[in-house]
Protein backbone atom coordinates (compact mmCIF):
# COMPACT_ATOMS: atom_id res chain seq x y z
CA MET A 1 2.60 56.52 73.20
CA CYS A 2 0.41 55.24 70.39
CA ASN A 3 1.36 53.25 67.31
CA GLN A 4 0.87 54.54 63.77
CA ASN A 5 -2.47 52.77 63.24
CA GLU A 6 -3.82 54.19 66.48
CA TRP A 7 -2.62 57.66 65.45
CA ILE A 8 -4.35 57.37 62.04
CA VAL A 9 -7.63 56.32 63.63
CA ARG A 10 -7.42 59.03 66.30
CA GLU A 11 -6.79 61.73 63.70
CA ALA A 12 -9.64 60.48 61.48
CA PHE A 13 -12.17 60.28 64.30
CA LEU A 14 -11.05 63.57 65.88
CA ALA A 15 -11.69 65.21 62.49
CA TYR A 16 -15.16 63.66 62.53
CA ASP A 17 -15.61 64.83 66.13
CA ARG A 18 -14.86 68.39 64.95
CA GLY A 19 -17.39 68.04 62.14
CA ASP A 20 -14.68 67.89 59.45
CA ILE A 21 -15.96 64.90 57.50
CA ALA A 22 -13.85 65.78 54.45
CA GLN A 23 -10.65 65.55 56.48
CA MET A 24 -11.79 62.26 57.99
CA MET A 25 -12.29 60.86 54.49
CA ASP A 26 -8.62 61.61 53.72
CA PHE A 27 -7.79 58.72 56.08
CA VAL A 28 -10.30 56.30 54.50
CA ASP A 29 -9.50 53.94 51.63
CA PRO A 30 -11.75 54.48 48.57
CA ASP A 31 -12.70 50.77 48.72
CA LEU A 32 -13.66 50.79 52.41
CA GLU A 33 -15.74 47.88 53.67
CA TRP A 34 -18.16 49.27 56.25
CA THR A 35 -20.27 46.95 58.39
CA TYR A 36 -22.92 48.72 60.45
CA LEU A 37 -25.91 47.97 62.66
CA ASP A 38 -29.08 49.58 61.30
CA PRO A 39 -30.33 51.92 64.05
CA GLY A 40 -33.89 51.59 62.77
CA LEU A 41 -34.14 47.92 63.72
CA THR A 42 -34.95 46.48 67.15
CA ASP A 43 -32.52 43.57 66.69
CA PRO A 44 -30.09 44.82 64.05
CA ARG A 45 -28.10 42.40 61.95
CA PRO A 46 -24.79 43.53 60.50
CA GLN A 47 -25.16 45.10 57.07
CA THR A 48 -22.24 45.86 54.76
CA ARG A 49 -21.63 48.77 52.44
CA ARG A 50 -18.63 49.35 50.24
CA GLY A 51 -16.83 52.53 49.35
CA ARG A 52 -15.76 55.66 51.14
CA GLY A 53 -18.71 57.55 49.63
CA GLU A 54 -21.24 55.36 51.46
CA LEU A 55 -19.67 56.16 54.82
CA GLU A 56 -19.44 59.85 53.97
CA LYS A 57 -23.16 59.99 53.08
CA ALA A 58 -24.12 58.33 56.36
CA LEU A 59 -21.93 60.67 58.42
CA ARG A 60 -23.33 63.73 56.67
CA ARG A 61 -26.88 62.46 57.26
CA GLN A 62 -26.07 62.02 60.96
CA ALA A 63 -24.63 65.54 61.13
CA GLY A 64 -27.78 66.83 59.41
CA MET A 65 -29.82 65.38 62.28
CA GLY A 66 -27.77 67.50 64.66
CA LEU A 67 -25.84 64.57 66.10
CA ARG A 68 -22.22 65.12 67.02
CA ALA A 69 -19.97 62.24 68.05
CA GLU A 70 -17.24 62.50 70.67
CA LEU A 71 -14.19 60.24 70.67
CA GLU A 72 -13.90 58.50 74.06
CA GLU A 73 -11.44 55.66 73.69
CA VAL A 74 -8.99 54.18 71.19
CA ILE A 75 -7.13 50.89 71.73
CA ALA A 76 -4.90 49.41 69.02
CA LEU A 77 -3.50 45.94 68.53
CA GLY A 78 -1.69 45.63 65.22
CA GLU A 79 -3.90 46.61 62.30
CA LYS A 80 -7.08 46.41 64.43
CA VAL A 81 -8.15 49.47 66.41
CA MET A 82 -11.14 49.57 68.77
CA VAL A 83 -12.94 52.92 68.90
CA VAL A 84 -15.56 54.02 71.42
CA MET A 85 -17.60 57.06 70.44
CA ARG A 86 -20.30 58.84 72.41
CA THR A 87 -23.10 60.50 70.48
CA PRO A 88 -25.39 62.43 72.84
CA GLY A 89 -29.01 62.26 71.71
CA VAL A 90 -28.65 59.29 69.37
CA GLY A 91 -30.98 57.23 71.58
CA LYS A 92 -34.08 58.96 70.25
CA TYR A 93 -33.26 57.61 66.76
CA LEU A 94 -32.72 54.02 67.90
CA HIS A 95 -35.48 51.43 67.96
CA ARG A 96 -33.65 49.35 70.54
CA GLN A 97 -32.39 49.80 74.07
CA ALA A 98 -28.92 51.33 73.95
CA ASP A 99 -26.81 54.00 75.52
CA ASP A 100 -25.29 56.79 73.47
CA ARG A 101 -22.05 54.94 72.79
CA THR A 102 -20.96 53.07 69.71
CA TYR A 103 -18.23 50.46 69.56
CA ASP A 104 -16.36 49.99 66.31
CA VAL A 105 -13.32 48.08 65.15
CA VAL A 106 -11.27 49.77 62.47
CA THR A 107 -8.74 47.98 60.27
CA VAL A 108 -5.80 50.03 59.02
CA ARG A 109 -3.50 48.94 56.17
CA ASP A 110 -0.86 50.94 54.38
CA GLY A 111 -1.85 54.08 56.28
CA LEU A 112 -5.56 54.00 55.38
CA ILE A 113 -8.71 52.78 57.07
CA VAL A 114 -9.81 49.82 54.93
CA ALA A 115 -12.58 48.41 57.13
CA LEU A 116 -14.96 49.72 59.77
CA SER A 117 -17.05 47.21 61.71
CA ALA A 118 -19.77 48.21 64.17
CA CYS A 119 -20.19 46.02 67.23
CA CYS A 120 -23.20 45.69 69.53
CA ASP A 121 -21.17 46.33 72.70
CA ARG A 122 -17.70 46.77 74.20
CA SER A 123 -17.17 43.04 74.71
CA ALA A 124 -17.87 42.24 71.05
CA ALA A 125 -15.57 45.05 69.92
CA ARG A 126 -12.73 43.90 72.18
CA SER A 127 -13.12 40.36 70.88
CA LEU A 128 -13.16 41.41 67.21
CA ALA A 129 -10.09 43.60 67.75
CA GLY A 130 -8.28 40.72 69.45
CA ILE A 131 -7.92 42.69 72.66
CA GLY A 132 -9.51 40.02 74.83
């Protein structure tokens, strides 16, 4: 059985998995803080964007490239939720060695996703989420 924050994140990312970005955005706070790793860099440093619209643009751009993400794993601990997504074919757009998985930590407050932080690997995501 999952907790409410895990449920919110699952529903949001399953909507994204189905290609329903608009429904995903219903779960995202308008003032979202989104930290991502630029796929165009060999050794990406975290970069931060603010606002739900920035995330929506990036997801629509990814969909326009024909990439479709699949939710693989969700683990919650309080307001932090670790998400593992698999995006077949994303490797051809990366300028670094990587598999087709992404590891993110989502922060949920008051029923909305307020932060989304990309991590370089599973270990970093588990640590950021406080999972161990």
